[in-house]
């Protein structure tokens, strides 16, 4: 399983994305990734890349085709309680 992180792709240069101090802290201290370990970098527009952490940057390795849609349709139904719809929300 790879961890996912939303990155700012405006800082992309030669396949490297500079990580903010918060992102670096999250990957190194919270998730405890070591140098050269991999995670999934997201751009916030539905695209994902396999990335490798190198110092305070992420090296994009390859694009990943992820589908987040369910293969089946899901319908949710709710009965309105006596006290009103606020209890549902």
Protein backbone atom coordinates (compact mmCIF):
# COMPACT_ATOMS: atom_id res chain seq x y z
CA UNK A 1 0.00 0.00 0.00
CA UNK A 2 1.28 3.42 -0.94
CA UNK A 3 0.48 6.62 0.92
CA UNK A 4 -1.12 9.40 -1.09
CA UNK A 5 -0.23 13.07 -0.93
CA UNK A 6 -1.57 16.08 -2.82
CA UNK A 7 1.34 18.08 -4.26
CA UNK A 8 1.72 21.41 -6.04
CA UNK A 9 2.84 20.49 -9.55
CA UNK A 10 3.69 24.14 -10.32
CA UNK A 11 7.05 23.51 -8.66
CA UNK A 12 7.84 20.66 -11.09
CA UNK A 13 11.37 20.91 -12.49
CA UNK A 14 13.24 18.04 -14.20
CA UNK A 15 10.84 15.48 -12.74
CA UNK A 16 11.36 16.78 -9.19
CA UNK A 17 8.74 18.53 -7.07
CA UNK A 18 9.91 20.59 -4.12
CA UNK A 19 8.07 19.56 -0.98
CA UNK A 20 6.82 22.16 1.48
CA UNK A 21 8.08 21.81 5.06
CA UNK A 22 4.62 20.50 6.05
CA UNK A 23 4.62 17.86 3.31
CA UNK A 24 8.16 16.80 4.13
CA UNK A 25 7.27 16.55 7.83
CA UNK A 26 4.19 14.47 7.02
CA UNK A 27 6.07 12.00 4.80
CA UNK A 28 9.15 11.67 7.02
CA UNK A 29 7.79 11.98 10.57
CA UNK A 30 4.11 11.01 10.42
CA UNK A 31 4.17 8.34 7.69
CA UNK A 32 7.84 7.54 8.46
CA UNK A 33 9.04 7.15 4.90
CA UNK A 34 12.77 6.96 4.42
CA UNK A 35 14.73 8.39 1.53
CA UNK A 36 14.02 6.57 -1.77
CA UNK A 37 10.75 5.07 -0.51
CA UNK A 38 7.71 5.51 -2.71
CA UNK A 39 4.31 7.14 -2.39
CA UNK A 40 1.56 8.30 -4.72
CA UNK A 41 1.59 11.97 -5.69
CA UNK A 42 -1.76 13.50 -6.61
CA UNK A 43 -2.25 16.76 -8.52
CA UNK A 44 -5.85 17.43 -7.42
CA UNK A 45 -7.18 17.05 -10.97
CA UNK A 46 -7.64 13.29 -11.02
CA UNK A 47 -4.11 12.36 -12.05
CA UNK A 48 -1.65 10.35 -9.98
CA UNK A 49 2.04 9.46 -10.20
CA UNK A 50 4.26 6.99 -8.43
CA UNK A 51 6.84 9.17 -6.70
CA UNK A 52 9.98 8.61 -4.68
CA UNK A 53 11.01 10.82 -1.77
CA UNK A 54 14.50 12.26 -2.16
CA UNK A 55 15.64 14.67 0.57
CA UNK A 56 13.04 17.48 0.53
CA UNK A 57 11.64 16.73 -2.90
CA UNK A 58 9.63 14.10 -4.72
CA UNK A 59 10.87 12.43 -7.91
CA UNK A 60 8.05 11.44 -10.26
CA UNK A 61 8.65 7.93 -11.58
CA UNK A 62 5.61 7.03 -13.66
CA UNK A 63 1.99 7.99 -14.22
CA UNK A 64 -0.62 5.78 -12.57
CA UNK A 65 -4.06 5.10 -13.98
CA UNK A 66 -6.33 5.05 -10.94
CA UNK A 67 -10.06 4.71 -11.12
CA UNK A 68 -11.93 6.03 -8.12
CA UNK A 69 -15.42 5.31 -9.42
CA UNK A 70 -17.25 2.23 -8.19
CA UNK A 71 -18.01 -0.39 -10.83
CA UNK A 72 -21.65 -0.47 -9.64
CA UNK A 73 -24.25 2.23 -9.06
CA UNK A 74 -25.07 2.95 -5.41
CA UNK A 75 -28.41 4.44 -4.30
CA UNK A 76 -28.88 5.75 -0.78
CA UNK A 77 -32.35 5.95 0.72
CA UNK A 78 -33.34 7.65 3.97
CA UNK A 79 -36.57 7.64 5.91
CA UNK A 80 -37.29 11.06 7.42
CA UNK A 81 -37.53 10.80 11.22
CA UNK A 82 -40.32 12.41 13.23
CA UNK A 83 -38.02 15.19 14.47
CA UNK A 84 -37.17 16.36 10.94
CA UNK A 85 -34.36 16.01 8.47
CA UNK A 86 -31.74 17.68 10.72
CA UNK A 87 -31.18 14.38 12.55
CA UNK A 88 -30.10 12.76 9.28
CA UNK A 89 -27.58 15.46 8.43
